[in-house]
């Protein structure tokens, strides 16, 4: 059978993963604010004394206002978002963060998040402390993975299926602590407990 034909399902799977990942909504507070805070807000944040070009990237109005035909962010339009063009630039006079900031260029994963955020509309959010509290939906898939029977406690649905409950880990660690063993050393009989070795 042709090997290229066998590889088709693999490429289809990769394409589906890429499409699903691109459609995943990007949160300003969760994904974008930490990147901008570490790399941009020192010069384009709330501190007027150190602000450059009178540009604030922590506010939607300032980030999207027209400045002589240029806008730092154009929601949904990556090609005309000047901030994005500076981020991906290789010109030392254009790239952001600039070399004199002593900050390295953004990592590919950080660039990808910012790109997708702009393409999705560059939606800003208030600081999480000022956002209204909302009750998260219970992840039914994880709940069914953990146990075929519904749990009386909805919090159980948020546990990782591959991670034992906290009380089970605690009950396992206690006797190991009393024997001066680390949680993993008990798996290797060649490394007995120092306390037990001294008693022998």
N, C-alpha and C. Protein backbone atom coordinates (compact mmCIF):
# COMPACT_ATOMS: atom_id res chain seq x y z
N UNK A 1 0.86 -1.20 0.00
CA UNK A 1 0.00 0.00 0.00
C UNK A 1 0.89 1.24 0.00
N UNK A 2 0.48 2.25 -0.72
CA UNK A 2 1.26 3.47 -0.81
C UNK A 2 1.39 4.12 0.56
N UNK A 3 2.67 4.41 0.95
CA UNK A 3 2.92 4.98 2.27
C UNK A 3 2.32 6.37 2.40
N UNK A 4 2.28 7.13 1.29
CA UNK A 4 1.69 8.46 1.35
C UNK A 4 0.20 8.39 1.66
N UNK A 5 -0.45 7.34 1.18
CA UNK A 5 -1.87 7.16 1.49
C UNK A 5 -2.07 6.89 2.98
N UNK A 6 -1.13 6.14 3.57
CA UNK A 6 -1.24 5.84 4.99
C UNK A 6 -1.03 7.09 5.85
N UNK A 7 -0.30 8.05 5.33
CA UNK A 7 -0.02 9.25 6.11
C UNK A 7 -1.17 10.25 6.07
N UNK A 8 -2.12 10.05 5.16
CA UNK A 8 -3.22 11.00 5.03
C UNK A 8 -4.01 11.18 6.33
N UNK A 9 -4.42 10.09 7.03
CA UNK A 9 -5.15 10.29 8.28
C UNK A 9 -4.37 11.12 9.29
N UNK A 10 -3.06 10.93 9.32
CA UNK A 10 -2.23 11.68 10.27
C UNK A 10 -2.30 13.17 9.96
N UNK A 11 -2.19 13.54 8.68
CA UNK A 11 -2.23 14.96 8.32
C UNK A 11 -3.62 15.54 8.54
N UNK A 12 -4.65 14.72 8.29
CA UNK A 12 -6.01 15.19 8.58
C UNK A 12 -6.18 15.47 10.07
N UNK A 13 -5.63 14.59 10.90
CA UNK A 13 -5.72 14.78 12.34
C UNK A 13 -5.00 16.06 12.76
N UNK A 14 -3.81 16.30 12.19
CA UNK A 14 -3.09 17.52 12.51
C UNK A 14 -3.87 18.75 12.09
N UNK A 15 -4.52 18.66 10.93
CA UNK A 15 -5.31 19.80 10.46
C UNK A 15 -6.49 20.07 11.39
N UNK A 16 -7.14 19.03 11.85
CA UNK A 16 -8.27 19.20 12.77
C UNK A 16 -7.82 19.81 14.08
N UNK A 17 -6.67 19.37 14.59
CA UNK A 17 -6.13 19.92 15.83
C UNK A 17 -5.81 21.40 15.66
N UNK A 18 -5.21 21.75 14.52
CA UNK A 18 -4.86 23.15 14.26
C UNK A 18 -6.11 24.02 14.17
N UNK A 19 -7.16 23.49 13.51
CA UNK A 19 -8.41 24.25 13.39
C UNK A 19 -9.05 24.45 14.75
N UNK A 20 -9.08 23.40 15.55
CA UNK A 20 -9.68 23.50 16.88
C UNK A 20 -8.89 24.47 17.75
N UNK A 21 -7.57 24.43 17.64
CA UNK A 21 -6.73 25.32 18.44
C UNK A 21 -6.92 26.77 18.03
N UNK A 22 -7.05 27.01 16.74
CA UNK A 22 -7.25 28.38 16.26
C UNK A 22 -8.59 28.93 16.71
N UNK A 23 -9.59 28.05 16.84
CA UNK A 23 -10.92 28.49 17.24
C UNK A 23 -11.04 28.69 18.75
N UNK A 24 -10.08 28.20 19.50
CA UNK A 24 -10.13 28.33 20.96
C UNK A 24 -10.05 29.80 21.34
N UNK A 25 -11.01 30.32 22.11
CA UNK A 25 -10.99 31.74 22.45
C UNK A 25 -9.80 32.09 23.34
N UNK A 26 -9.17 33.24 23.05
CA UNK A 26 -8.04 33.72 23.82
C UNK A 26 -8.54 34.75 24.83
N UNK A 27 -8.17 34.57 26.08
CA UNK A 27 -8.60 35.47 27.15
C UNK A 27 -7.51 36.52 27.40
N UNK A 28 -7.93 37.78 27.45
CA UNK A 28 -6.97 38.85 27.72
C UNK A 28 -6.34 38.68 29.10
N UNK A 29 -7.16 38.43 30.11
CA UNK A 29 -6.64 38.31 31.47
C UNK A 29 -5.75 37.08 31.64
N UNK A 30 -6.13 35.99 31.03
CA UNK A 30 -5.41 34.74 31.24
C UNK A 30 -4.18 34.62 30.34
N UNK A 31 -4.30 35.03 29.08
CA UNK A 31 -3.23 34.78 28.12
C UNK A 31 -2.42 36.03 27.74
N UNK A 32 -3.09 37.15 27.56
CA UNK A 32 -2.45 38.32 26.96
C UNK A 32 -1.89 39.29 27.99
N UNK A 33 -2.64 39.59 29.02
CA UNK A 33 -2.17 40.56 30.02
C UNK A 33 -0.80 40.18 30.59
N UNK A 34 -0.56 38.89 30.97
CA UNK A 34 0.77 38.56 31.50
C UNK A 34 1.90 38.84 30.51
N UNK A 35 1.67 38.61 29.23
CA UNK A 35 2.70 38.87 28.23
C UNK A 35 2.97 40.36 28.12
N UNK A 36 1.91 41.16 28.03
CA UNK A 36 2.08 42.60 27.91
C UNK A 36 2.67 43.19 29.18
N UNK A 37 2.27 42.68 30.33
CA UNK A 37 2.79 43.20 31.59
C UNK A 37 4.30 42.97 31.70
N UNK A 38 4.77 41.84 31.24
CA UNK A 38 6.20 41.52 31.34
C UNK A 38 7.03 42.24 30.29
N UNK A 39 6.43 42.55 29.15
CA UNK A 39 7.24 43.02 28.02
C UNK A 39 6.89 44.42 27.51
N UNK A 40 5.71 44.92 27.83
CA UNK A 40 5.25 46.16 27.19
C UNK A 40 4.84 47.26 28.16
N UNK A 41 4.27 46.90 29.29
CA UNK A 41 3.67 47.91 30.15
C UNK A 41 4.68 48.86 30.78
N UNK A 42 5.95 48.49 30.83
CA UNK A 42 6.95 49.40 31.40
C UNK A 42 7.02 50.70 30.60
N UNK A 43 6.82 50.60 29.30
CA UNK A 43 6.86 51.78 28.43
C UNK A 43 5.50 52.18 27.90
N UNK A 44 4.54 51.27 27.95
CA UNK A 44 3.22 51.55 27.38
C UNK A 44 2.13 51.12 28.36
N UNK A 45 2.32 51.53 29.62
CA UNK A 45 1.35 51.16 30.65
C UNK A 45 0.80 52.38 31.36
N UNK A 46 0.47 52.21 32.61
CA UNK A 46 -0.22 53.26 33.37
C UNK A 46 0.72 54.34 33.91
N UNK A 47 2.03 54.09 33.94
CA UNK A 47 2.99 55.05 34.47
C UNK A 47 3.27 56.14 33.43
N UNK A 48 2.68 57.30 33.63
CA UNK A 48 2.84 58.39 32.67
C UNK A 48 4.27 58.89 32.60
N UNK A 49 5.02 58.78 33.68
CA UNK A 49 6.39 59.30 33.70
C UNK A 49 7.31 58.50 32.78
N UNK A 50 7.02 57.22 32.59
CA UNK A 50 7.86 56.38 31.76
C UNK A 50 7.19 55.97 30.44
N UNK A 51 6.01 56.51 30.18
CA UNK A 51 5.29 56.11 28.99
C UNK A 51 5.90 56.72 27.74
N UNK A 52 5.99 55.91 26.69
CA UNK A 52 6.56 56.36 25.43
C UNK A 52 5.48 56.44 24.36
N UNK A 53 5.61 57.46 23.51
CA UNK A 53 4.71 57.69 22.38
C UNK A 53 3.26 57.89 22.81
N UNK A 54 3.07 58.20 24.10
CA UNK A 54 1.71 58.41 24.63
C UNK A 54 0.80 57.23 24.31
N UNK A 55 1.39 56.05 24.26
CA UNK A 55 0.63 54.85 23.91
C UNK A 55 0.47 53.96 25.14
N UNK A 56 -0.76 53.62 25.42
CA UNK A 56 -1.06 52.67 26.51
C UNK A 56 -1.64 51.40 25.89
N UNK A 57 -0.94 50.30 26.11
CA UNK A 57 -1.44 49.01 25.63
C UNK A 57 -2.30 48.30 26.66
N UNK A 58 -2.47 48.93 27.82
CA UNK A 58 -3.33 48.34 28.84
C UNK A 58 -4.75 48.86 28.76
N UNK A 59 -5.03 49.73 27.79
CA UNK A 59 -6.36 50.28 27.60
C UNK A 59 -6.78 50.15 26.14
N UNK A 60 -7.98 49.68 25.93
CA UNK A 60 -8.47 49.47 24.57
C UNK A 60 -8.50 50.76 23.77
N UNK A 61 -9.01 51.84 24.36
CA UNK A 61 -9.17 53.09 23.62
C UNK A 61 -7.83 53.62 23.14
N UNK A 62 -6.82 53.58 24.00
CA UNK A 62 -5.51 54.08 23.62
C UNK A 62 -4.83 53.16 22.61
N UNK A 63 -5.02 51.86 22.76
CA UNK A 63 -4.36 50.91 21.87
C UNK A 63 -4.95 50.91 20.47
N UNK A 64 -6.20 51.34 20.34
CA UNK A 64 -6.87 51.28 19.03
C UNK A 64 -7.09 52.64 18.39
N UNK A 65 -6.68 53.72 19.05
CA UNK A 65 -6.90 55.05 18.49
C UNK A 65 -5.98 55.27 17.28
N UNK A 66 -6.46 56.05 16.33
CA UNK A 66 -5.68 56.35 15.13
C UNK A 66 -4.62 57.40 15.45
N UNK A 67 -3.38 57.08 15.07
CA UNK A 67 -2.26 58.00 15.26
C UNK A 67 -1.60 58.23 13.91
N UNK A 68 -2.04 59.29 13.25
CA UNK A 68 -1.48 59.65 11.93
C UNK A 68 -1.54 58.48 10.95
N UNK A 69 -2.65 57.81 10.93
CA UNK A 69 -2.83 56.71 9.99
C UNK A 69 -2.38 55.36 10.50
N UNK A 70 -1.88 55.31 11.74
CA UNK A 70 -1.43 54.04 12.32
C UNK A 70 -2.20 53.78 13.61
N UNK A 71 -2.48 52.52 13.84
CA UNK A 71 -3.09 52.11 15.11
C UNK A 71 -2.32 50.92 15.66
N UNK A 72 -2.05 50.97 16.95
CA UNK A 72 -1.30 49.86 17.56
C UNK A 72 -2.04 48.55 17.39
N UNK A 73 -3.33 48.58 17.59
CA UNK A 73 -4.16 47.39 17.44
C UNK A 73 -5.37 47.71 16.58
N UNK A 74 -5.60 46.89 15.59
CA UNK A 74 -6.81 46.96 14.78
C UNK A 74 -7.53 45.63 14.99
N UNK A 75 -8.56 45.60 15.83
CA UNK A 75 -9.23 44.33 16.13
C UNK A 75 -9.65 43.60 14.87
N UNK A 76 -9.23 42.34 14.78
CA UNK A 76 -9.58 41.51 13.65
C UNK A 76 -8.69 41.69 12.43
N UNK A 77 -7.78 42.65 12.48
CA UNK A 77 -6.94 42.96 11.30
C UNK A 77 -5.47 42.91 11.71
N UNK A 78 -4.86 41.76 11.56
CA UNK A 78 -3.48 41.58 12.01
C UNK A 78 -2.51 42.36 11.13
N UNK A 79 -2.81 42.50 9.84
CA UNK A 79 -1.89 43.13 8.90
C UNK A 79 -1.75 44.63 9.14
N UNK A 80 -2.74 45.26 9.76
CA UNK A 80 -2.70 46.69 10.00
C UNK A 80 -2.53 47.03 11.48
N UNK A 81 -2.22 46.06 12.30
CA UNK A 81 -1.96 46.29 13.72
C UNK A 81 -0.48 46.57 13.90
N UNK A 82 -0.14 47.84 14.13
CA UNK A 82 1.26 48.24 14.20
C UNK A 82 2.01 47.53 15.32
N UNK A 83 1.35 47.26 16.43
CA UNK A 83 2.02 46.56 17.53
C UNK A 83 2.47 45.17 17.08
N UNK A 84 1.62 44.48 16.33
CA UNK A 84 1.98 43.15 15.84
C UNK A 84 3.14 43.23 14.85
N UNK A 85 3.11 44.21 13.97
CA UNK A 85 4.19 44.36 12.99
C UNK A 85 5.52 44.65 13.68
N UNK A 86 5.46 45.38 14.80
CA UNK A 86 6.69 45.63 15.56
C UNK A 86 7.16 44.37 16.27
N UNK A 87 6.24 43.57 16.74
CA UNK A 87 6.60 42.35 17.46
C UNK A 87 7.34 41.37 16.55
N UNK A 88 6.90 41.27 15.30
CA UNK A 88 7.49 40.28 14.39
C UNK A 88 8.63 40.87 13.55
N UNK A 89 8.91 42.16 13.73
CA UNK A 89 9.95 42.80 12.94
C UNK A 89 11.33 42.26 13.33
N UNK A 90 12.24 42.28 12.37
CA UNK A 90 13.64 41.92 12.63
C UNK A 90 14.54 43.15 12.61
N UNK A 91 13.97 44.32 12.35
CA UNK A 91 14.73 45.57 12.34
C UNK A 91 14.95 46.03 13.78
N UNK A 92 16.19 46.19 14.22
CA UNK A 92 16.43 46.60 15.62
C UNK A 92 15.83 47.96 15.96
N UNK A 93 15.57 48.80 14.94
CA UNK A 93 14.95 50.10 15.19
C UNK A 93 13.42 50.02 15.28
N UNK A 94 12.86 48.87 14.91
CA UNK A 94 11.41 48.72 14.88
C UNK A 94 10.89 47.68 15.87
N UNK A 95 11.69 46.66 16.14
CA UNK A 95 11.20 45.52 16.91
C UNK A 95 10.81 45.93 18.32
N UNK A 96 9.78 45.30 18.81
CA UNK A 96 9.31 45.46 20.18
C UNK A 96 9.25 44.09 20.86
N UNK A 97 9.75 44.02 22.09
CA UNK A 97 10.43 45.04 22.87
C UNK A 97 11.75 45.46 22.23
N UNK A 98 12.14 46.73 22.38
CA UNK A 98 13.37 47.20 21.75
C UNK A 98 14.61 46.63 22.43
N UNK A 99 15.71 46.57 21.72
CA UNK A 99 16.94 46.00 22.32
C UNK A 99 17.38 46.71 23.59
N UNK A 100 17.18 48.04 23.69
CA UNK A 100 17.65 48.75 24.88
C UNK A 100 16.78 48.48 26.10
N UNK A 101 15.69 47.75 25.92
CA UNK A 101 14.88 47.37 27.08
C UNK A 101 15.46 46.16 27.80
N UNK A 102 16.47 45.53 27.16
CA UNK A 102 17.12 44.33 27.71
C UNK A 102 16.14 43.19 27.90
N UNK A 103 15.11 43.19 27.08
CA UNK A 103 14.15 42.09 27.09
C UNK A 103 14.27 41.32 25.79
N UNK A 104 14.23 40.01 25.83
CA UNK A 104 14.34 39.22 24.59
C UNK A 104 13.07 39.34 23.76
N UNK A 105 13.16 39.07 22.47
CA UNK A 105 11.95 39.04 21.65
C UNK A 105 10.95 38.02 22.19
N UNK A 106 9.69 38.25 21.88
CA UNK A 106 8.66 37.34 22.36
C UNK A 106 8.88 35.94 21.79
N UNK A 107 8.56 34.95 22.59
CA UNK A 107 8.68 33.56 22.15
C UNK A 107 7.59 33.25 21.12
N UNK A 108 7.83 32.25 20.29
CA UNK A 108 6.81 31.89 19.27
C UNK A 108 5.44 31.63 19.87
N UNK A 109 5.38 30.98 21.02
CA UNK A 109 4.07 30.70 21.64
C UNK A 109 3.39 31.99 22.07
N UNK A 110 4.17 32.97 22.57
CA UNK A 110 3.59 34.25 22.97
C UNK A 110 3.10 35.02 21.75
N UNK A 111 3.88 34.98 20.68
CA UNK A 111 3.45 35.65 19.45
C UNK A 111 2.16 35.03 18.90
N UNK A 112 2.09 33.73 18.99
CA UNK A 112 0.89 33.04 18.49
C UNK A 112 -0.34 33.46 19.27
N UNK A 113 -0.21 33.58 20.59
CA UNK A 113 -1.34 34.01 21.41
C UNK A 113 -1.79 35.42 21.05
N UNK A 114 -0.83 36.33 20.89
CA UNK A 114 -1.18 37.70 20.56
C UNK A 114 -1.80 37.78 19.17
N UNK A 115 -1.25 37.04 18.23
CA UNK A 115 -1.81 37.04 16.88
C UNK A 115 -3.26 36.57 16.90
N UNK A 116 -3.52 35.44 17.57
CA UNK A 116 -4.87 34.91 17.61
C UNK A 116 -5.81 35.84 18.37
N UNK A 117 -5.30 36.49 19.40
CA UNK A 117 -6.13 37.43 20.17
C UNK A 117 -6.56 38.60 19.30
N UNK A 118 -5.64 39.16 18.52
CA UNK A 118 -5.99 40.26 17.63
C UNK A 118 -6.98 39.79 16.58
N UNK A 119 -6.73 38.63 16.00
CA UNK A 119 -7.62 38.11 14.97
C UNK A 119 -9.02 37.86 15.53
N UNK A 120 -9.10 37.53 16.82
CA UNK A 120 -10.40 37.28 17.44
C UNK A 120 -11.09 38.55 17.92
N UNK A 121 -10.46 39.71 17.66
CA UNK A 121 -11.11 40.97 18.01
C UNK A 121 -10.42 41.78 19.08
N UNK A 122 -9.30 41.30 19.61
CA UNK A 122 -8.54 42.04 20.64
C UNK A 122 -9.44 42.52 21.76
N UNK A 123 -10.20 41.60 22.32
CA UNK A 123 -11.15 41.94 23.39
C UNK A 123 -10.40 42.13 24.71
N UNK A 124 -10.53 43.32 25.29
CA UNK A 124 -9.92 43.60 26.59
C UNK A 124 -10.87 43.19 27.71
N UNK A 125 -10.30 42.99 28.89
CA UNK A 125 -11.08 42.70 30.09
C UNK A 125 -10.55 43.55 31.23
N UNK A 126 -11.43 43.84 32.18
CA UNK A 126 -10.97 44.48 33.41
C UNK A 126 -10.07 43.51 34.17
N UNK A 127 -9.33 44.04 35.10
CA UNK A 127 -8.54 43.17 35.97
C UNK A 127 -9.48 42.15 36.60
N UNK A 128 -8.97 40.92 36.77
CA UNK A 128 -9.85 39.84 37.23
C UNK A 128 -10.52 40.17 38.55
N UNK A 129 -9.88 41.02 39.38
CA UNK A 129 -10.47 41.36 40.68
C UNK A 129 -11.75 42.18 40.51
N UNK A 130 -11.91 42.82 39.35
CA UNK A 130 -13.09 43.65 39.11
C UNK A 130 -14.09 42.97 38.18
N UNK A 131 -13.81 41.76 37.76
CA UNK A 131 -14.74 41.03 36.92
C UNK A 131 -15.79 40.34 37.79
N UNK A 132 -17.04 40.28 37.35
CA UNK A 132 -18.06 39.58 38.14
C UNK A 132 -17.75 38.10 38.26
N UNK A 133 -18.07 37.54 39.41
CA UNK A 133 -17.82 36.13 39.66
C UNK A 133 -18.88 35.31 38.95
N UNK A 134 -18.45 34.31 38.22
CA UNK A 134 -19.38 33.43 37.53
C UNK A 134 -19.06 31.99 37.91
N UNK A 135 -20.10 31.19 38.01
CA UNK A 135 -19.92 29.78 38.36
C UNK A 135 -19.52 28.99 37.12
N UNK A 136 -18.36 28.31 37.17
CA UNK A 136 -17.95 27.55 35.99
C UNK A 136 -18.83 26.33 35.76
N UNK A 137 -18.94 25.95 34.50
CA UNK A 137 -19.72 24.76 34.17
C UNK A 137 -18.97 23.52 34.64
N UNK A 138 -19.70 22.53 35.10
CA UNK A 138 -19.09 21.29 35.57
C UNK A 138 -18.66 20.46 34.36
N UNK A 139 -17.37 20.09 34.28
CA UNK A 139 -16.89 19.30 33.13
C UNK A 139 -17.41 17.87 33.19
N UNK A 140 -18.48 17.62 32.46
CA UNK A 140 -19.13 16.31 32.51
C UNK A 140 -18.21 15.22 32.00
N UNK A 141 -17.39 15.52 31.01
CA UNK A 141 -16.50 14.51 30.43
C UNK A 141 -15.54 13.97 31.47
N UNK A 142 -14.91 14.87 32.24
CA UNK A 142 -13.99 14.43 33.27
C UNK A 142 -14.71 13.67 34.37
N UNK A 143 -15.94 14.11 34.68
CA UNK A 143 -16.69 13.43 35.71
C UNK A 143 -16.97 11.98 35.32
N UNK A 144 -17.33 11.76 34.05
CA UNK A 144 -17.61 10.40 33.61
C UNK A 144 -16.34 9.57 33.53
N UNK A 145 -15.19 10.23 33.30
CA UNK A 145 -13.93 9.50 33.24
C UNK A 145 -13.52 9.02 34.62
N UNK A 146 -13.74 9.87 35.61
CA UNK A 146 -13.33 9.51 36.96
C UNK A 146 -14.16 8.37 37.52
N UNK A 147 -15.43 8.40 37.22
CA UNK A 147 -16.31 7.42 37.84
C UNK A 147 -17.55 7.29 36.97
N UNK A 148 -17.97 6.08 36.75
CA UNK A 148 -19.16 5.88 35.94
C UNK A 148 -20.41 6.36 36.67
N UNK A 149 -20.33 6.42 37.99
CA UNK A 149 -21.47 6.90 38.77
C UNK A 149 -21.27 8.38 39.10
N UNK A 150 -22.32 9.19 38.98
CA UNK A 150 -22.19 10.60 39.31
C UNK A 150 -21.75 10.79 40.76
N UNK A 151 -20.84 11.72 40.98
CA UNK A 151 -20.34 11.98 42.32
C UNK A 151 -21.30 12.90 43.05
N UNK A 152 -21.49 12.69 44.35
CA UNK A 152 -22.36 13.60 45.11
C UNK A 152 -21.74 14.99 45.26
N UNK A 153 -20.42 15.10 45.08
CA UNK A 153 -19.74 16.38 45.21
C UNK A 153 -19.33 16.88 43.83
N UNK A 154 -19.89 18.00 43.34
CA UNK A 154 -19.55 18.49 41.99
C UNK A 154 -18.07 18.83 41.84
N UNK A 155 -17.37 19.12 42.95
CA UNK A 155 -15.95 19.46 42.86
C UNK A 155 -15.12 18.29 42.33
N UNK A 156 -15.61 17.06 42.51
CA UNK A 156 -14.86 15.90 42.03
C UNK A 156 -14.69 15.93 40.52
N UNK A 157 -15.59 16.63 39.83
CA UNK A 157 -15.51 16.67 38.37
C UNK A 157 -14.31 17.44 37.88
N UNK A 158 -13.72 18.30 38.74
CA UNK A 158 -12.59 19.12 38.33
C UNK A 158 -11.26 18.43 38.62
N UNK A 159 -11.28 17.25 39.22
CA UNK A 159 -10.05 16.52 39.48
C UNK A 159 -9.49 15.95 38.19
N UNK A 160 -8.17 15.94 38.08
CA UNK A 160 -7.54 15.32 36.92
C UNK A 160 -7.70 13.81 37.02
N UNK A 161 -8.17 13.16 35.96
CA UNK A 161 -8.36 11.71 36.02
C UNK A 161 -7.08 10.94 36.28
N UNK A 162 -5.93 11.49 35.87
CA UNK A 162 -4.67 10.78 36.05
C UNK A 162 -3.99 11.11 37.37
N UNK A 163 -4.66 11.86 38.23
CA UNK A 163 -4.06 12.28 39.49
C UNK A 163 -4.91 11.77 40.64
N UNK A 164 -4.35 11.04 41.59
CA UNK A 164 -5.16 10.53 42.70
C UNK A 164 -5.66 11.66 43.58
N UNK A 165 -6.74 11.43 44.31
CA UNK A 165 -7.28 12.46 45.19
C UNK A 165 -6.24 12.92 46.21
N UNK A 166 -6.43 14.14 46.71
CA UNK A 166 -5.44 14.72 47.63
C UNK A 166 -5.29 13.87 48.89
N UNK A 167 -6.39 13.33 49.40
CA UNK A 167 -6.29 12.55 50.64
C UNK A 167 -5.50 11.27 50.42
N UNK A 168 -5.59 10.69 49.20
CA UNK A 168 -4.83 9.48 48.91
C UNK A 168 -3.34 9.79 48.85
N UNK A 169 -2.98 10.92 48.26
CA UNK A 169 -1.57 11.30 48.20
C UNK A 169 -1.06 11.60 49.60
N UNK A 170 -1.88 12.27 50.41
CA UNK A 170 -1.46 12.61 51.77
C UNK A 170 -1.27 11.34 52.60
N UNK A 171 -2.21 10.37 52.48
CA UNK A 171 -2.10 9.14 53.25
C UNK A 171 -0.87 8.34 52.84
N UNK A 172 -0.46 8.47 51.58
CA UNK A 172 0.72 7.75 51.11
C UNK A 172 2.00 8.43 51.58
N UNK A 173 1.99 9.75 51.61
CA UNK A 173 3.19 10.48 51.98
C UNK A 173 3.51 10.36 53.47
N UNK A 174 2.49 10.28 54.31
CA UNK A 174 2.71 10.29 55.76
C UNK A 174 3.64 9.18 56.22
N UNK A 175 3.36 7.89 55.91
CA UNK A 175 4.29 6.86 56.38
C UNK A 175 5.68 7.00 55.78
N UNK A 176 5.77 7.53 54.56
CA UNK A 176 7.08 7.72 53.96
C UNK A 176 7.85 8.81 54.68
N UNK A 177 7.14 9.85 55.09
CA UNK A 177 7.80 10.91 55.86
C UNK A 177 8.31 10.38 57.19
N UNK A 178 7.51 9.54 57.84
CA UNK A 178 7.92 8.98 59.12
C UNK A 178 9.14 8.09 58.98
N UNK A 179 9.33 7.53 57.78
CA UNK A 179 10.49 6.68 57.53
C UNK A 179 11.64 7.44 56.89
N UNK A 180 11.51 8.79 56.80
CA UNK A 180 12.53 9.63 56.19
C UNK A 180 12.74 9.28 54.72
N UNK A 181 11.69 8.90 54.05
CA UNK A 181 11.77 8.59 52.62
C UNK A 181 11.04 9.65 51.82
N UNK A 182 11.55 9.91 50.64
CA UNK A 182 10.82 10.77 49.72
C UNK A 182 9.70 9.96 49.10
N UNK A 183 8.67 10.60 48.55
CA UNK A 183 7.53 9.85 47.99
C UNK A 183 7.93 8.90 46.87
N UNK A 184 9.04 9.11 46.19
CA UNK A 184 9.40 8.27 45.06
C UNK A 184 10.48 7.25 45.39
N UNK A 185 11.20 7.43 46.46
CA UNK A 185 12.30 6.52 46.75
C UNK A 185 11.81 5.14 47.16
N UNK A 186 10.54 5.08 47.59
CA UNK A 186 10.04 3.76 48.00
C UNK A 186 9.86 2.83 46.81
N UNK A 187 9.90 3.39 45.59
CA UNK A 187 9.74 2.55 44.42
C UNK A 187 11.02 1.77 44.11
N UNK A 188 12.13 2.19 44.67
CA UNK A 188 13.41 1.55 44.37
C UNK A 188 13.95 0.90 45.63
N UNK A 189 13.93 -0.43 45.71
CA UNK A 189 14.40 -1.11 46.93
C UNK A 189 15.88 -0.92 47.17
N UNK A 190 16.63 -0.46 46.21
CA UNK A 190 18.06 -0.26 46.40
C UNK A 190 18.37 0.94 47.27
N UNK A 191 17.34 1.79 47.54
CA UNK A 191 17.55 2.97 48.36
C UNK A 191 16.65 2.88 49.59
N UNK A 192 17.05 2.16 50.60
CA UNK A 192 16.21 2.02 51.79
C UNK A 192 16.19 3.32 52.60
N UNK A 193 15.25 3.39 53.47
CA UNK A 193 15.12 4.55 54.34
C UNK A 193 16.36 4.70 55.21
N UNK A 194 16.96 5.89 55.34
CA UNK A 194 18.11 6.08 56.22
C UNK A 194 17.79 5.72 57.66
N UNK A 195 16.55 5.99 58.08
CA UNK A 195 16.17 5.68 59.45
C UNK A 195 16.14 4.17 59.66
N UNK A 196 15.54 3.44 58.72
CA UNK A 196 15.48 1.98 58.86
C UNK A 196 16.87 1.36 58.77
N UNK A 197 17.73 1.95 57.91
CA UNK A 197 19.09 1.43 57.79
C UNK A 197 19.85 1.61 59.07
N UNK A 198 19.62 2.70 59.80
CA UNK A 198 20.33 2.93 61.07
C UNK A 198 19.86 1.99 62.16
N UNK A 199 18.60 1.53 62.06
CA UNK A 199 18.06 0.64 63.08
C UNK A 199 18.45 -0.81 62.86
N UNK A 200 18.95 -1.12 61.66
CA UNK A 200 19.29 -2.50 61.36
C UNK A 200 20.62 -2.89 61.98
